[in-house]
Amino acid sequence: MHRLLVLYPKPADPDHFRDYYVTKHLPLVMEMPGLLACRYSFDVAATKGEAPYFAVFEADFADATALAAARSSDQGRRAAADVVNYATGGAVVIDYPVQDGIG
């Protein structure tokens, strides 16, 4: 499995971010081909001090090739272009193969 992780610093308008993200952005993301599962949270906490991120998003794909195909698809390009409409604090986007840590 391969995971896409997006970390969002605090936006200028948190209420706009939440509303836009749920009602407009996530529906775009859900159209990405090869998406196996996704999850997000606005309740990001740090173990010490203030959390450096306001929100987090994870999406799972079968492998790196499936993620690359999803990101380069029309749906993926629309989702990427939409980020400027709500994430005024920017976004940190990373991806990685998921390894089982138990066993």
N, C-alpha and C. Protein backbone atom coordinates (compact mmCIF):
# COMPACT_ATOMS: atom_id res chain seq x y z
N MET A 1 0.85 -1.18 0.00
CA MET A 1 0.00 0.00 0.00
C MET A 1 0.89 1.23 0.00
N HIS A 2 0.38 2.31 -0.60
CA HIS A 2 1.10 3.58 -0.66
C HIS A 2 0.18 4.68 -0.14
N ARG A 3 0.73 5.55 0.68
CA ARG A 3 -0.09 6.58 1.32
C ARG A 3 0.33 7.98 0.89
N LEU A 4 -0.68 8.81 0.67
CA LEU A 4 -0.51 10.24 0.44
C LEU A 4 -0.90 10.92 1.75
N LEU A 5 -0.03 11.76 2.26
CA LEU A 5 -0.28 12.48 3.52
C LEU A 5 -0.18 13.97 3.24
N VAL A 6 -1.21 14.71 3.66
CA VAL A 6 -1.21 16.16 3.51
C VAL A 6 -1.36 16.79 4.89
N LEU A 7 -0.44 17.67 5.23
CA LEU A 7 -0.45 18.38 6.51
C LEU A 7 -0.72 19.86 6.21
N TYR A 8 -1.72 20.40 6.87
CA TYR A 8 -2.13 21.78 6.62
C TYR A 8 -1.80 22.68 7.81
N PRO A 9 -0.91 23.67 7.64
CA PRO A 9 -0.71 24.67 8.68
C PRO A 9 -2.00 25.48 8.89
N LYS A 10 -2.06 26.22 9.98
CA LYS A 10 -3.27 26.98 10.30
C LYS A 10 -3.59 27.98 9.18
N PRO A 11 -4.83 27.96 8.70
CA PRO A 11 -5.24 28.91 7.66
C PRO A 11 -5.65 30.25 8.26
N ALA A 12 -5.79 31.26 7.41
CA ALA A 12 -6.24 32.58 7.85
C ALA A 12 -7.66 32.52 8.41
N ASP A 13 -8.51 31.69 7.82
CA ASP A 13 -9.91 31.59 8.22
C ASP A 13 -10.26 30.10 8.46
N PRO A 14 -10.09 29.60 9.68
CA PRO A 14 -10.35 28.19 9.97
C PRO A 14 -11.77 27.74 9.64
N ASP A 15 -12.76 28.59 9.86
CA ASP A 15 -14.14 28.20 9.56
C ASP A 15 -14.34 28.00 8.06
N HIS A 16 -13.79 28.92 7.26
CA HIS A 16 -13.88 28.76 5.81
C HIS A 16 -13.18 27.47 5.37
N PHE A 17 -11.99 27.22 5.93
CA PHE A 17 -11.25 26.00 5.60
C PHE A 17 -12.12 24.77 5.84
N ARG A 18 -12.65 24.65 7.04
CA ARG A 18 -13.46 23.47 7.39
C ARG A 18 -14.64 23.29 6.44
N ASP A 19 -15.39 24.37 6.23
CA ASP A 19 -16.58 24.28 5.39
C ASP A 19 -16.21 23.93 3.94
N TYR A 20 -15.27 24.65 3.38
CA TYR A 20 -14.88 24.42 1.99
C TYR A 20 -14.29 23.02 1.82
N TYR A 21 -13.45 22.63 2.74
CA TYR A 21 -12.78 21.33 2.66
C TYR A 21 -13.80 20.19 2.60
N VAL A 22 -14.77 20.23 3.49
CA VAL A 22 -15.76 19.15 3.58
C VAL A 22 -16.76 19.20 2.42
N THR A 23 -17.23 20.38 2.07
CA THR A 23 -18.31 20.46 1.08
C THR A 23 -17.82 20.52 -0.37
N LYS A 24 -16.59 21.01 -0.59
CA LYS A 24 -16.11 21.19 -1.97
C LYS A 24 -14.88 20.35 -2.30
N HIS A 25 -13.86 20.38 -1.42
CA HIS A 25 -12.60 19.71 -1.75
C HIS A 25 -12.69 18.19 -1.64
N LEU A 26 -13.21 17.69 -0.53
CA LEU A 26 -13.28 16.23 -0.37
C LEU A 26 -14.07 15.54 -1.49
N PRO A 27 -15.18 16.11 -1.96
CA PRO A 27 -15.85 15.47 -3.10
C PRO A 27 -14.96 15.35 -4.34
N LEU A 28 -14.08 16.32 -4.56
CA LEU A 28 -13.12 16.23 -5.67
C LEU A 28 -12.14 15.08 -5.44
N VAL A 29 -11.63 15.00 -4.23
CA VAL A 29 -10.67 13.95 -3.88
C VAL A 29 -11.29 12.56 -4.05
N MET A 30 -12.54 12.43 -3.65
CA MET A 30 -13.22 11.13 -3.72
C MET A 30 -13.36 10.61 -5.15
N GLU A 31 -13.21 11.49 -6.14
CA GLU A 31 -13.30 11.09 -7.55
C GLU A 31 -11.98 10.59 -8.11
N MET A 32 -10.90 10.68 -7.34
CA MET A 32 -9.59 10.27 -7.85
C MET A 32 -9.58 8.76 -8.10
N PRO A 33 -9.14 8.34 -9.29
CA PRO A 33 -9.11 6.92 -9.59
C PRO A 33 -8.09 6.18 -8.71
N GLY A 34 -8.45 4.98 -8.31
CA GLY A 34 -7.53 4.15 -7.52
C GLY A 34 -7.52 4.42 -6.03
N LEU A 35 -8.31 5.39 -5.58
CA LEU A 35 -8.37 5.71 -4.15
C LEU A 35 -9.01 4.54 -3.41
N LEU A 36 -8.27 3.96 -2.47
CA LEU A 36 -8.78 2.81 -1.70
C LEU A 36 -9.48 3.25 -0.42
N ALA A 37 -8.93 4.26 0.23
CA ALA A 37 -9.51 4.76 1.49
C ALA A 37 -8.90 6.13 1.76
N CYS A 38 -9.63 6.93 2.54
CA CYS A 38 -9.07 8.22 2.96
C CYS A 38 -9.68 8.60 4.30
N ARG A 39 -8.97 9.48 4.98
CA ARG A 39 -9.42 9.96 6.29
C ARG A 39 -8.82 11.34 6.52
N TYR A 40 -9.46 12.12 7.38
CA TYR A 40 -8.95 13.46 7.68
C TYR A 40 -9.35 13.82 9.10
N SER A 41 -8.71 14.88 9.62
CA SER A 41 -9.06 15.38 10.94
C SER A 41 -8.70 16.86 11.04
N PHE A 42 -9.54 17.58 11.75
CA PHE A 42 -9.26 18.97 12.10
C PHE A 42 -8.81 19.06 13.56
N ASP A 43 -8.73 17.95 14.24
CA ASP A 43 -8.37 17.92 15.66
C ASP A 43 -6.94 17.43 15.85
N VAL A 44 -6.00 18.14 15.28
CA VAL A 44 -4.59 17.77 15.34
C VAL A 44 -4.00 18.32 16.64
N ALA A 45 -3.36 17.46 17.40
CA ALA A 45 -2.76 17.87 18.68
C ALA A 45 -1.29 17.45 18.70
N ALA A 46 -0.50 18.20 19.42
CA ALA A 46 0.91 17.86 19.61
C ALA A 46 1.09 17.27 21.01
N THR A 47 2.08 16.43 21.17
CA THR A 47 2.33 15.86 22.50
C THR A 47 2.86 16.92 23.46
N LYS A 48 3.53 17.95 22.91
CA LYS A 48 4.02 19.07 23.71
C LYS A 48 3.81 20.35 22.93
N GLY A 49 3.28 21.35 23.58
CA GLY A 49 3.10 22.64 22.94
C GLY A 49 1.98 22.65 21.92
N GLU A 50 2.01 23.69 21.10
CA GLU A 50 0.97 23.87 20.09
C GLU A 50 1.29 23.05 18.85
N ALA A 51 0.29 22.42 18.29
CA ALA A 51 0.48 21.61 17.08
C ALA A 51 0.88 22.51 15.91
N PRO A 52 1.84 22.08 15.09
CA PRO A 52 2.25 22.89 13.94
C PRO A 52 1.26 22.81 12.77
N TYR A 53 0.28 21.92 12.90
CA TYR A 53 -0.68 21.74 11.81
C TYR A 53 -2.11 21.87 12.30
N PHE A 54 -2.95 22.40 11.43
CA PHE A 54 -4.36 22.61 11.70
C PHE A 54 -5.19 21.38 11.32
N ALA A 55 -4.81 20.73 10.21
CA ALA A 55 -5.56 19.59 9.70
C ALA A 55 -4.61 18.59 9.06
N VAL A 56 -5.10 17.36 8.94
CA VAL A 56 -4.31 16.30 8.32
C VAL A 56 -5.24 15.47 7.43
N PHE A 57 -4.68 14.97 6.33
CA PHE A 57 -5.43 14.12 5.40
C PHE A 57 -4.54 12.96 4.98
N GLU A 58 -5.12 11.76 4.92
CA GLU A 58 -4.42 10.57 4.45
C GLU A 58 -5.25 9.89 3.37
N ALA A 59 -4.59 9.42 2.33
CA ALA A 59 -5.26 8.66 1.28
C ALA A 59 -4.41 7.45 0.94
N ASP A 60 -5.05 6.31 0.78
CA ASP A 60 -4.35 5.07 0.48
C ASP A 60 -4.59 4.63 -0.95
N PHE A 61 -3.51 4.16 -1.58
CA PHE A 61 -3.54 3.64 -2.94
C PHE A 61 -2.81 2.31 -2.95
N ALA A 62 -3.05 1.49 -3.95
CA ALA A 62 -2.45 0.15 -4.01
C ALA A 62 -0.92 0.22 -4.00
N ASP A 63 -0.36 1.18 -4.74
CA ASP A 63 1.09 1.30 -4.83
C ASP A 63 1.44 2.70 -5.35
N ALA A 64 2.73 2.97 -5.47
CA ALA A 64 3.17 4.29 -5.93
C ALA A 64 2.69 4.60 -7.34
N THR A 65 2.61 3.58 -8.18
CA THR A 65 2.14 3.77 -9.55
C THR A 65 0.68 4.22 -9.56
N ALA A 66 -0.14 3.61 -8.71
CA ALA A 66 -1.56 3.99 -8.63
C ALA A 66 -1.70 5.42 -8.11
N LEU A 67 -0.88 5.80 -7.14
CA LEU A 67 -0.93 7.18 -6.64
C LEU A 67 -0.52 8.16 -7.74
N ALA A 68 0.55 7.86 -8.44
CA ALA A 68 1.01 8.74 -9.52
C ALA A 68 -0.07 8.89 -10.59
N ALA A 69 -0.73 7.81 -10.93
CA ALA A 69 -1.80 7.87 -11.93
C ALA A 69 -2.96 8.72 -11.43
N ALA A 70 -3.30 8.58 -10.15
CA ALA A 70 -4.39 9.37 -9.57
C ALA A 70 -4.04 10.85 -9.56
N ARG A 71 -2.83 11.18 -9.19
CA ARG A 71 -2.42 12.59 -9.12
C ARG A 71 -2.35 13.23 -10.49
N SER A 72 -2.00 12.45 -11.51
CA SER A 72 -1.89 13.02 -12.86
C SER A 72 -3.21 12.95 -13.64
N SER A 73 -4.22 12.33 -13.07
CA SER A 73 -5.53 12.26 -13.73
C SER A 73 -6.20 13.64 -13.71
N ASP A 74 -7.24 13.79 -14.52
CA ASP A 74 -7.99 15.05 -14.50
C ASP A 74 -8.51 15.34 -13.10
N GLN A 75 -9.02 14.31 -12.42
CA GLN A 75 -9.57 14.49 -11.07
C GLN A 75 -8.46 14.90 -10.09
N GLY A 76 -7.30 14.29 -10.21
CA GLY A 76 -6.18 14.63 -9.33
C GLY A 76 -5.68 16.03 -9.56
N ARG A 77 -5.60 16.44 -10.82
CA ARG A 77 -5.16 17.81 -11.12
C ARG A 77 -6.18 18.84 -10.62
N ARG A 78 -7.47 18.52 -10.73
CA ARG A 78 -8.50 19.44 -10.21
C ARG A 78 -8.39 19.56 -8.68
N ALA A 79 -8.19 18.44 -8.02
CA ALA A 79 -8.07 18.46 -6.55
C ALA A 79 -6.84 19.27 -6.14
N ALA A 80 -5.72 19.07 -6.81
CA ALA A 80 -4.50 19.81 -6.47
C ALA A 80 -4.68 21.31 -6.72
N ALA A 81 -5.32 21.67 -7.81
CA ALA A 81 -5.53 23.08 -8.13
C ALA A 81 -6.50 23.74 -7.17
N ASP A 82 -7.35 22.96 -6.53
CA ASP A 82 -8.37 23.50 -5.61
C ASP A 82 -7.80 23.90 -4.26
N VAL A 83 -6.63 23.44 -3.90
CA VAL A 83 -6.06 23.68 -2.57
C VAL A 83 -5.96 25.17 -2.26
N VAL A 84 -5.65 26.00 -3.23
CA VAL A 84 -5.51 27.44 -2.98
C VAL A 84 -6.83 28.09 -2.56
N ASN A 85 -7.95 27.42 -2.78
CA ASN A 85 -9.25 27.97 -2.43
C ASN A 85 -9.59 27.88 -0.95
N TYR A 86 -8.81 27.14 -0.18
CA TYR A 86 -9.11 27.01 1.26
C TYR A 86 -7.86 26.99 2.14
N ALA A 87 -6.73 26.56 1.63
CA ALA A 87 -5.52 26.36 2.45
C ALA A 87 -4.60 27.57 2.35
N THR A 88 -5.00 28.67 2.97
CA THR A 88 -4.20 29.89 2.92
C THR A 88 -2.87 29.74 3.64
N GLY A 89 -2.74 28.75 4.50
CA GLY A 89 -1.49 28.48 5.19
C GLY A 89 -0.58 27.55 4.41
N GLY A 90 -1.04 27.13 3.23
CA GLY A 90 -0.25 26.20 2.42
C GLY A 90 -0.55 24.75 2.79
N ALA A 91 0.23 23.85 2.25
CA ALA A 91 0.07 22.43 2.51
C ALA A 91 1.40 21.72 2.32
N VAL A 92 1.68 20.77 3.18
CA VAL A 92 2.85 19.91 3.05
C VAL A 92 2.34 18.58 2.55
N VAL A 93 2.80 18.15 1.37
CA VAL A 93 2.32 16.91 0.75
C VAL A 93 3.49 15.94 0.66
N ILE A 94 3.30 14.76 1.25
CA ILE A 94 4.31 13.71 1.17
C ILE A 94 3.62 12.39 0.84
N ASP A 95 4.40 11.44 0.34
CA ASP A 95 3.85 10.11 0.12
C ASP A 95 4.93 9.08 0.43
N TYR A 96 4.48 7.87 0.76
CA TYR A 96 5.41 6.83 1.18
C TYR A 96 4.74 5.47 1.14
N PRO A 97 5.56 4.41 0.98
CA PRO A 97 5.00 3.07 1.08
C PRO A 97 4.72 2.77 2.56
N VAL A 98 3.61 2.12 2.82
CA VAL A 98 3.22 1.79 4.20
C VAL A 98 3.81 0.43 4.58
N GLN A 99 4.49 0.40 5.71
CA GLN A 99 5.10 -0.84 6.22
C GLN A 99 4.38 -1.25 7.49
N ASP A 100 4.12 -2.53 7.64
CA ASP A 100 3.56 -3.03 8.88
C ASP A 100 4.62 -2.94 9.98
N GLY A 101 4.22 -2.43 11.14
CA GLY A 101 5.17 -2.24 12.23
C GLY A 101 5.04 -3.27 13.34
N ILE A 102 4.15 -4.21 13.19
CA ILE A 102 3.93 -5.22 14.22
C ILE A 102 4.24 -6.59 13.62
N GLY A 103 4.92 -7.42 14.36
CA GLY A 103 5.14 -8.77 13.85
C GLY A 103 6.47 -9.33 14.08
